[in-house]
Protein backbone atom coordinates (compact mmCIF):
# COMPACT_ATOMS: atom_id res chain seq x y z
CA MET A 1 -52.66 -9.98 10.93
CA LYS A 2 -53.28 -9.96 7.17
CA ILE A 3 -50.14 -7.86 6.71
CA ARG A 4 -48.00 -10.39 8.59
CA VAL A 5 -49.30 -13.30 6.54
CA LEU A 6 -48.74 -11.34 3.34
CA GLY A 7 -45.20 -10.45 4.48
CA VAL A 8 -44.35 -14.07 5.30
CA MET A 9 -45.73 -15.19 1.91
CA LEU A 10 -43.64 -12.59 0.07
CA ILE A 11 -40.47 -13.58 1.92
CA SER A 12 -41.10 -17.27 1.22
CA LEU A 13 -41.67 -16.55 -2.44
CA ALA A 14 -38.45 -14.50 -2.62
CA ILE A 15 -36.43 -17.31 -1.04
CA VAL A 16 -37.85 -19.93 -3.41
CA GLY A 17 -37.24 -17.67 -6.42
CA THR A 18 -33.67 -16.90 -5.33
CA THR A 19 -32.83 -20.54 -4.76
CA GLY A 20 -33.62 -21.43 -8.38
CA CYS A 21 -31.61 -18.50 -9.68
CA ALA A 22 -28.62 -19.36 -7.51
CA LYS A 23 -28.77 -22.97 -8.60
CA ARG A 24 -28.82 -22.01 -12.30
CA ARG A 25 -25.89 -19.68 -11.74
CA LEU A 26 -23.87 -22.36 -9.94
CA ASN A 27 -24.57 -24.86 -12.73
CA LYS A 28 -23.43 -22.32 -15.31
CA MET A 29 -20.19 -21.67 -13.42
CA ASN A 30 -19.50 -25.39 -13.12
CA SER A 31 -20.07 -25.96 -16.84
CA GLU A 32 -17.75 -23.04 -17.69
CA GLU A 33 -15.04 -24.55 -15.50
CA ASP A 34 -15.50 -27.93 -17.18
CA GLN A 35 -15.16 -26.28 -20.60
CA LEU A 36 -12.01 -24.46 -19.51
CA PHE A 37 -10.51 -27.64 -18.09
CA GLY A 38 -11.36 -29.46 -21.33
CA LYS A 39 -9.23 -27.00 -23.31
CA TYR A 40 -6.13 -27.90 -21.31
CA ASP A 41 -6.75 -31.60 -20.81
CA GLY A 42 -4.17 -33.56 -22.78
CA SER A 43 -2.60 -30.46 -24.33
CA GLN A 44 0.82 -28.83 -24.16
CA TYR A 45 -0.20 -27.32 -20.84
CA GLU A 46 1.05 -30.29 -18.82
CA LYS A 47 4.40 -30.21 -20.59
CA ASP A 48 4.80 -26.52 -19.83
CA MET A 49 4.08 -26.91 -16.13
CA VAL A 50 7.02 -27.02 -13.77
CA GLN A 51 6.52 -29.70 -11.20
CA ALA A 52 8.57 -30.54 -8.18
CA GLY A 53 9.50 -34.18 -8.24
CA ASP A 54 10.89 -36.36 -5.52
CA GLN A 55 14.25 -34.79 -4.87
CA ASP A 56 16.82 -35.95 -2.39
CA TYR A 57 18.06 -32.96 -0.42
CA ALA A 58 21.50 -33.33 1.05
CA ASP A 59 22.15 -32.10 4.57
CA ARG A 60 22.47 -28.32 4.36
CA GLY A 61 24.34 -28.06 7.65
CA GLN A 62 23.38 -26.32 10.81
CA GLY A 63 21.72 -22.97 11.18
CA VAL A 64 20.99 -20.38 13.80
CA SER A 65 17.70 -20.84 15.61
CA PRO A 66 15.04 -18.15 15.20
CA GLU A 67 15.20 -17.46 18.94
CA ARG A 68 18.93 -16.70 18.74
CA LEU A 69 18.41 -14.48 15.70
CA ALA A 70 15.74 -12.54 17.58
CA SER A 71 18.07 -12.29 20.57
CA ILE A 72 20.88 -10.90 18.40
CA GLN A 73 18.60 -8.28 16.85
CA ASP A 74 17.15 -7.36 20.25
CA THR A 75 20.64 -6.97 21.74
CA ILE A 76 21.65 -4.64 18.92
CA THR A 77 18.58 -2.42 19.26
CA SER A 78 18.43 -2.35 23.06
CA VAL A 79 22.14 -2.29 24.00
CA TYR A 80 24.40 -1.38 21.12
CA GLU A 81 22.45 1.34 19.27
CA ARG A 82 24.13 3.84 21.60
CA ASP A 83 27.41 3.06 19.83
CA LEU A 84 25.84 4.16 16.56
CA GLY A 85 24.92 7.52 18.05
CA ARG A 86 28.37 7.98 19.58
CA CYS A 87 30.04 7.35 16.23
CA LEU A 88 27.71 9.78 14.47
CA GLN A 89 28.46 12.36 17.16
CA GLN A 90 32.11 12.44 16.03
CA ASP A 91 31.09 13.62 12.55
CA MET A 92 28.62 16.12 14.00
CA GLU A 93 31.37 17.66 16.10
CA ALA A 94 33.90 17.62 13.26
CA TYR A 95 31.49 19.45 10.92
CA SER A 96 29.80 21.56 13.63
CA ASN A 97 26.49 20.40 12.23
CA ARG A 98 23.77 18.50 14.13
CA TRP A 99 21.88 17.73 10.91
CA ILE A 100 23.90 14.72 9.80
CA ALA A 101 21.84 11.61 9.20
CA GLY A 102 21.43 8.62 6.94
CA THR A 103 21.41 4.89 6.56
CA PHE A 104 24.11 2.27 6.65
CA THR A 105 24.55 -1.48 6.32
CA VAL A 106 27.19 -3.37 8.24
CA GLU A 107 28.03 -7.06 8.19
CA PHE A 108 29.73 -8.79 11.09
CA THR A 109 30.60 -12.34 12.07
CA ILE A 110 29.76 -13.72 15.51
CA ASP A 111 31.56 -16.84 16.72
CA THR A 112 30.11 -19.58 18.94
CA LYS A 113 31.36 -17.77 22.05
CA GLY A 114 29.31 -14.67 21.18
CA GLN A 115 32.34 -12.56 20.19
CA VAL A 116 32.45 -10.49 17.00
CA ILE A 117 35.44 -11.70 14.99
CA GLU A 118 34.99 -9.78 11.73
CA THR A 119 33.18 -6.63 10.64
CA LYS A 120 32.72 -4.77 7.39
CA LEU A 121 30.77 -1.63 6.50
CA LEU A 122 28.91 -2.52 3.29
CA GLU A 123 27.02 0.71 2.56
CA GLN A 124 26.84 4.16 4.01
CA ASP A 125 24.70 7.13 3.02
CA ILE A 126 25.29 9.37 6.01
CA LYS A 127 25.73 13.03 5.20
CA GLU A 128 24.66 16.53 6.11
CA ARG A 129 20.91 16.92 5.66
CA ARG A 130 20.88 20.67 6.32
CA LEU A 131 23.78 22.70 5.04
CA PRO A 132 25.35 25.54 6.99
CA PRO A 133 24.92 29.01 5.45
CA GLY A 134 27.18 29.53 2.44
CA GLN A 135 27.94 25.82 1.95
CA LYS A 136 26.93 24.44 -1.46
CA GLU A 137 27.43 20.67 -1.09
CA ALA A 138 26.59 18.18 1.65
CA ARG A 139 29.61 16.51 3.23
CA SER A 140 29.55 12.76 3.87
CA ALA A 141 30.34 11.35 7.28
CA LYS A 142 33.98 10.24 7.26
CA LEU A 143 34.46 9.19 10.86
CA PHE A 144 31.31 7.07 11.22
CA GLY A 145 32.50 4.04 9.21
CA PRO A 146 35.80 3.38 10.98
CA CYS A 147 34.24 4.18 14.35
CA ILE A 148 31.34 1.77 13.96
CA GLU A 149 33.58 -1.04 12.73
CA GLN A 150 35.78 -0.55 15.79
CA ALA A 151 32.77 -0.42 18.13
CA ILE A 152 31.21 -3.59 16.70
CA PHE A 153 34.40 -5.55 17.44
CA LYS A 154 33.65 -4.97 21.14
CA TRP A 155 30.08 -6.28 20.93
CA GLU A 156 29.20 -9.57 22.67
CA PHE A 157 26.08 -11.66 22.28
CA ASP A 158 24.62 -13.89 24.98
CA PRO A 159 23.33 -16.44 24.24
CA PRO A 160 25.80 -16.95 21.40
CA PRO A 161 24.72 -18.44 18.06
CA GLU A 162 25.02 -22.20 17.67
CA ILE A 163 27.43 -21.78 14.75
CA THR A 164 29.73 -19.02 13.49
CA TYR A 165 27.19 -16.64 12.02
CA LYS A 166 27.46 -13.68 9.65
CA HIS A 167 24.84 -11.05 10.51
CA THR A 168 23.84 -8.09 8.33
CA TYR A 169 22.41 -5.06 10.08
CA THR A 170 20.87 -2.05 8.34
CA GLY A 171 20.27 1.00 10.47
CA LYS A 172 19.35 4.67 10.45
CA VAL A 173 21.11 7.36 12.45
CA GLY A 174 20.76 11.07 12.99
CA GLU A 175 18.29 13.83 13.72
CA ALA A 176 16.37 13.41 10.46
CA PHE A 177 15.44 9.85 11.38
């Protein structure tokens, strides 16, 4: 019984002692903040700050809804990624090498009917990742670019975007990926 009472007294004393310490610490922090604020009050600081004022934003036009953007990306990954593999297959057969892989970026325009009306291969780093015996340099894929541009022209998107929309797609193809 005496041990319990002693324990309760020690805990109570610790709480009371901690409360005073915490309060002193909080007061010190507040005074340091006030001092810091005082340094900048009425100084060049306000002139240096960039502030957004009341600006009148003109109508920026229409956009594609996030749902349609997600639908476009989902259609590419679930339906049209096979085209990417088929186009890569042409280079694999031409070089007799299954270890061709890399990344590419293609941009294409989708009209309001869901048809692709323009396509352009922006970047391509698709090449042999393992060289055949005796070969010194990796060959780049030559057939992939024209093939993928041709394939994308056949793509259709349903539901179509609300406006004519230019989409950029970056992908990876090949065994190494």
